[in-house]
């Protein structure tokens, strides 16, 4: 079955009778059962319906209420798969910041599941700056979609030339200027359902920069997903 992308142990799966006799398709695992149990899943918890931040009440958190006031034309709704803690935080550190390219396929099943919910949606990975690309050598979101076999489009350019988001505090992140520029290729996708994809939702600033830019250009259906929140 291969090795677990987290702990490197061999993945040993026990098939059900349905899977054994071919009545159900078995997804190829990338994470062993032990590591899978450690994933801080957000589904099943009580969370903000706008950004999936865990909280005690099912209502928009303060941040999302602020976004709703700032961008009344947008639907305040976002999907995240896991909390940014534990093995997920370790995954991002190894994959994004240490360049462990093998980890690009760790969350393939989650991305494919979201695609099944939005079968007509086109994924649009949020681009990194040219400086980050030169340093890292790859776009983490694009590589994850490639590993998952998901079709995606590219019509955003990241012009940011300053300090990285990961090096900023919360207030500095919120004050970040619009980094994105729409390329001419966007015009043929105006009637399409677009799914913005990033690795982590922290303050929401980056995603809302992208969402408001697409909204102003006439896109009518824009969703967003991140691996972590």
Protein backbone atom coordinates (compact mmCIF):
# COMPACT_ATOMS: atom_id res chain seq x y z
CA UNK A 1 0.00 0.00 0.00
CA UNK A 2 3.01 2.31 0.36
CA UNK A 3 4.41 4.39 3.20
CA UNK A 4 2.56 6.88 5.37
CA UNK A 5 3.55 10.40 4.38
CA UNK A 6 3.64 11.45 8.02
CA UNK A 7 5.40 8.68 9.96
CA UNK A 8 6.96 6.72 7.04
CA UNK A 9 5.52 3.43 8.36
CA UNK A 10 3.99 0.98 5.90
CA UNK A 11 0.27 1.50 5.38
CA UNK A 12 -1.65 -1.70 6.05
CA UNK A 13 -5.32 -1.47 5.11
CA UNK A 14 -8.04 -3.98 5.97
CA UNK A 15 -10.58 -4.19 3.14
CA UNK A 16 -14.31 -4.56 3.72
CA UNK A 17 -16.22 -7.34 1.94
CA UNK A 18 -17.66 -4.76 -0.44
CA UNK A 19 -14.18 -3.52 -1.32
CA UNK A 20 -12.77 -7.04 -1.45
CA UNK A 21 -15.29 -8.22 -4.06
CA UNK A 22 -15.09 -5.02 -6.09
CA UNK A 23 -18.45 -3.45 -5.29
CA UNK A 24 -16.89 -0.34 -3.81
CA UNK A 25 -13.88 1.63 -4.94
CA UNK A 26 -11.12 1.81 -2.37
CA UNK A 27 -9.29 5.14 -2.27
CA UNK A 28 -5.53 4.81 -2.18
CA UNK A 29 -4.32 5.79 1.27
CA UNK A 30 -1.52 8.26 1.87
CA UNK A 31 -1.76 8.35 5.68
CA UNK A 32 -1.78 5.38 8.04
CA UNK A 33 -4.64 4.76 10.46
CA UNK A 34 -2.57 5.85 13.45
CA UNK A 35 -1.70 9.24 11.94
CA UNK A 36 -5.21 9.64 10.54
CA UNK A 37 -6.62 9.40 14.07
CA UNK A 38 -4.33 12.26 15.14
CA UNK A 39 -5.67 14.68 12.52
CA UNK A 40 -7.53 17.60 14.20
CA UNK A 41 -10.70 17.42 12.10
CA UNK A 42 -13.03 20.41 12.18
CA UNK A 43 -16.13 18.64 10.88
CA UNK A 44 -18.11 17.43 13.87
CA UNK A 45 -17.07 20.37 16.04
CA UNK A 46 -18.98 23.55 16.73
CA UNK A 47 -17.44 26.25 14.59
CA UNK A 48 -17.99 29.61 12.97
CA UNK A 49 -19.99 29.09 9.74
CA UNK A 50 -17.94 31.82 8.09
CA UNK A 51 -14.40 30.47 8.58
CA UNK A 52 -14.76 27.21 10.60
CA UNK A 53 -12.94 28.58 13.63
CA UNK A 54 -13.85 26.27 16.55
CA UNK A 55 -16.05 28.06 19.09
CA UNK A 56 -18.95 27.42 21.45
CA UNK A 57 -21.77 28.87 19.30
CA UNK A 58 -22.87 28.41 15.69
CA UNK A 59 -22.66 32.04 14.67
CA UNK A 60 -20.23 34.27 12.81
CA UNK A 61 -17.11 35.00 14.84
CA UNK A 62 -15.95 38.58 15.36
CA UNK A 63 -13.51 38.36 12.45
CA UNK A 64 -16.19 37.17 10.03
CA UNK A 65 -18.62 39.83 11.20
CA UNK A 66 -15.93 42.38 10.40
CA UNK A 67 -15.42 40.86 6.95
CA UNK A 68 -19.17 40.94 6.37
CA UNK A 69 -19.27 44.66 7.20
CA UNK A 70 -16.24 45.39 5.05
CA UNK A 71 -17.40 43.29 2.08
CA UNK A 72 -21.23 43.22 2.14
CA UNK A 73 -21.24 42.03 -1.47
CA UNK A 74 -19.49 38.76 -0.54
CA UNK A 75 -20.85 35.57 0.95
CA UNK A 76 -18.93 34.98 4.18
CA UNK A 77 -18.34 31.24 4.00
CA UNK A 78 -15.18 29.15 3.88
CA UNK A 79 -14.33 25.46 4.23
CA UNK A 80 -11.29 24.19 6.13
CA UNK A 81 -10.44 20.56 6.75
CA UNK A 82 -8.33 20.60 9.93
CA UNK A 83 -7.19 22.74 12.80
CA UNK A 84 -3.73 24.24 12.40
CA UNK A 85 -2.14 22.25 15.17
CA UNK A 86 -0.38 18.96 15.91
CA UNK A 87 0.45 16.77 12.92
CA UNK A 88 -1.08 19.29 10.48
CA UNK A 89 1.20 22.07 11.68
CA UNK A 90 4.16 19.69 11.50
CA UNK A 91 3.13 18.72 7.94
CA UNK A 92 3.10 22.34 6.79
CA UNK A 93 6.46 23.05 8.37
CA UNK A 94 8.05 20.10 6.59
CA UNK A 95 6.28 20.59 3.28
CA UNK A 96 6.15 24.34 2.81
CA UNK A 97 9.09 25.65 4.80
CA UNK A 98 11.53 22.74 4.66
CA UNK A 99 10.66 21.78 1.09
CA UNK A 100 9.70 18.12 1.69
CA UNK A 101 8.03 17.78 -1.70
CA UNK A 102 6.82 14.22 -0.97
CA UNK A 103 4.16 15.59 1.37
CA UNK A 104 2.21 17.26 -1.44
CA UNK A 105 -0.15 14.28 -1.61
CA UNK A 106 -0.95 14.04 2.09
CA UNK A 107 -4.45 15.52 1.77
CA UNK A 108 -5.41 14.24 -1.66
CA UNK A 109 -8.56 12.54 -0.36
CA UNK A 110 -9.83 15.78 1.24
CA UNK A 111 -9.36 17.77 -1.96
CA UNK A 112 -10.99 15.09 -4.09
CA UNK A 113 -13.94 14.94 -1.67
CA UNK A 114 -14.46 18.70 -1.96
CA UNK A 115 -14.28 18.43 -5.74
CA UNK A 116 -17.05 15.81 -5.67
CA UNK A 117 -19.25 18.24 -3.75
CA UNK A 118 -18.52 20.89 -6.41
CA UNK A 119 -18.19 18.79 -9.59
CA UNK A 120 -18.34 21.82 -11.90
CA UNK A 121 -15.99 23.94 -9.81
CA UNK A 122 -12.58 24.97 -11.12
CA UNK A 123 -9.83 25.14 -8.52
CA UNK A 124 -7.80 28.35 -8.53
CA UNK A 125 -4.70 27.98 -6.30
CA UNK A 126 -3.62 31.24 -4.71
CA UNK A 127 -0.22 32.05 -6.25
CA UNK A 128 2.86 32.78 -4.20
CA UNK A 129 5.15 35.72 -4.93
CA UNK A 130 8.05 35.35 -7.34
CA UNK A 131 10.48 35.74 -4.43
CA UNK A 132 8.84 32.88 -2.52
CA UNK A 133 8.85 30.71 -5.63
CA UNK A 134 12.55 31.32 -6.20
CA UNK A 135 13.30 30.42 -2.59
CA UNK A 136 10.99 27.38 -2.37
CA UNK A 137 11.21 26.09 -5.91
CA UNK A 138 7.54 25.14 -6.14
CA UNK A 139 4.02 26.41 -5.47
CA UNK A 140 2.69 24.35 -2.56
CA UNK A 141 -0.97 24.64 -3.57
CA UNK A 142 -0.40 23.81 -7.22
CA UNK A 143 1.61 20.72 -6.33
CA UNK A 144 -1.11 19.47 -3.99
CA UNK A 145 -3.70 19.77 -6.76
CA UNK A 146 -1.39 17.98 -9.20
CA UNK A 147 -0.90 15.13 -6.75
CA UNK A 148 -4.68 14.90 -6.29
CA UNK A 149 -5.26 14.81 -10.04
CA UNK A 150 -7.53 17.86 -9.84
CA UNK A 151 -7.88 20.22 -12.78
CA UNK A 152 -7.05 23.82 -11.92
CA UNK A 153 -6.76 27.17 -13.63
CA UNK A 154 -4.24 29.99 -13.24
CA UNK A 155 -5.27 33.59 -13.83
CA UNK A 156 -4.00 35.32 -10.69
CA UNK A 157 -0.55 36.82 -10.24
CA UNK A 158 0.96 37.63 -6.86
CA UNK A 159 2.82 40.94 -7.04
CA UNK A 160 3.73 41.12 -3.35
CA UNK A 161 7.36 42.08 -2.89
CA UNK A 162 7.56 42.75 0.85
CA UNK A 163 7.77 40.66 3.97
CA UNK A 164 6.23 37.18 3.88
CA UNK A 165 2.85 36.63 5.51
CA UNK A 166 4.36 33.95 7.75
CA UNK A 167 6.76 36.55 9.17
CA UNK A 168 4.04 39.06 10.07
CA UNK A 169 1.95 39.37 13.22
CA UNK A 170 -1.84 39.43 13.10
CA UNK A 171 -2.18 43.20 12.75
CA UNK A 172 0.44 43.35 10.01
CA UNK A 173 -1.35 40.58 8.11
CA UNK A 174 -4.66 42.43 8.26
CA UNK A 175 -3.04 45.58 6.90
CA UNK A 176 -1.51 43.82 3.89
CA UNK A 177 -2.32 45.58 0.61
CA UNK A 178 -3.96 43.81 -2.33
CA UNK A 179 -1.22 41.52 -3.70
CA UNK A 180 -3.14 39.96 -6.60
CA UNK A 181 -3.53 40.95 -10.22
CA UNK A 182 -5.99 39.34 -12.63
CA UNK A 183 -4.50 38.09 -15.89
CA UNK A 184 -6.45 38.40 -19.15
CA UNK A 185 -7.12 34.65 -19.10
CA UNK A 186 -9.75 35.19 -16.37
CA UNK A 187 -12.31 36.46 -18.90
CA UNK A 188 -13.17 33.01 -20.25
CA UNK A 189 -13.97 31.73 -16.75
CA UNK A 190 -16.42 34.44 -15.62
CA UNK A 191 -19.41 32.08 -15.78
CA UNK A 192 -17.60 29.23 -14.05
CA UNK A 193 -17.78 28.23 -10.40
CA UNK A 194 -14.36 29.07 -8.93
CA UNK A 195 -12.81 27.38 -5.88
CA UNK A 196 -10.01 29.39 -4.32
CA UNK A 197 -7.45 27.12 -2.68
CA UNK A 198 -4.77 27.97 -0.12
CA UNK A 199 -2.91 25.93 2.47
CA UNK A 200 -3.87 27.78 5.68
CA UNK A 201 -6.56 30.27 6.68
CA UNK A 202 -5.09 32.51 9.38
CA UNK A 203 -6.81 35.90 9.39
CA UNK A 204 -8.65 35.54 6.09
CA UNK A 205 -6.91 38.60 4.66
CA UNK A 206 -5.34 36.83 1.68
CA UNK A 207 -8.49 34.97 0.68
CA UNK A 208 -10.67 38.06 0.94
CA UNK A 209 -8.24 40.00 -1.22
CA UNK A 210 -8.75 37.32 -3.88
CA UNK A 211 -12.51 37.03 -3.38
CA UNK A 212 -13.21 40.74 -3.63
CA UNK A 213 -11.02 41.03 -6.74
CA UNK A 214 -12.97 38.25 -8.48
CA UNK A 215 -16.30 39.71 -7.37
CA UNK A 216 -15.44 43.13 -8.83
CA UNK A 217 -14.60 41.50 -12.15
CA UNK A 218 -17.99 39.80 -12.41
CA UNK A 219 -17.44 36.28 -11.05
CA UNK A 220 -20.76 35.11 -9.59
CA UNK A 221 -19.79 31.88 -7.84
CA UNK A 222 -16.63 31.81 -5.71
CA UNK A 223 -15.95 29.30 -2.96
CA UNK A 224 -12.79 28.73 -0.93
CA UNK A 225 -11.04 25.87 0.83
CA UNK A 226 -7.88 25.49 2.88
CA UNK A 227 -6.30 22.44 4.45
CA UNK A 228 -5.97 24.13 7.83
CA UNK A 229 -7.65 26.82 9.90
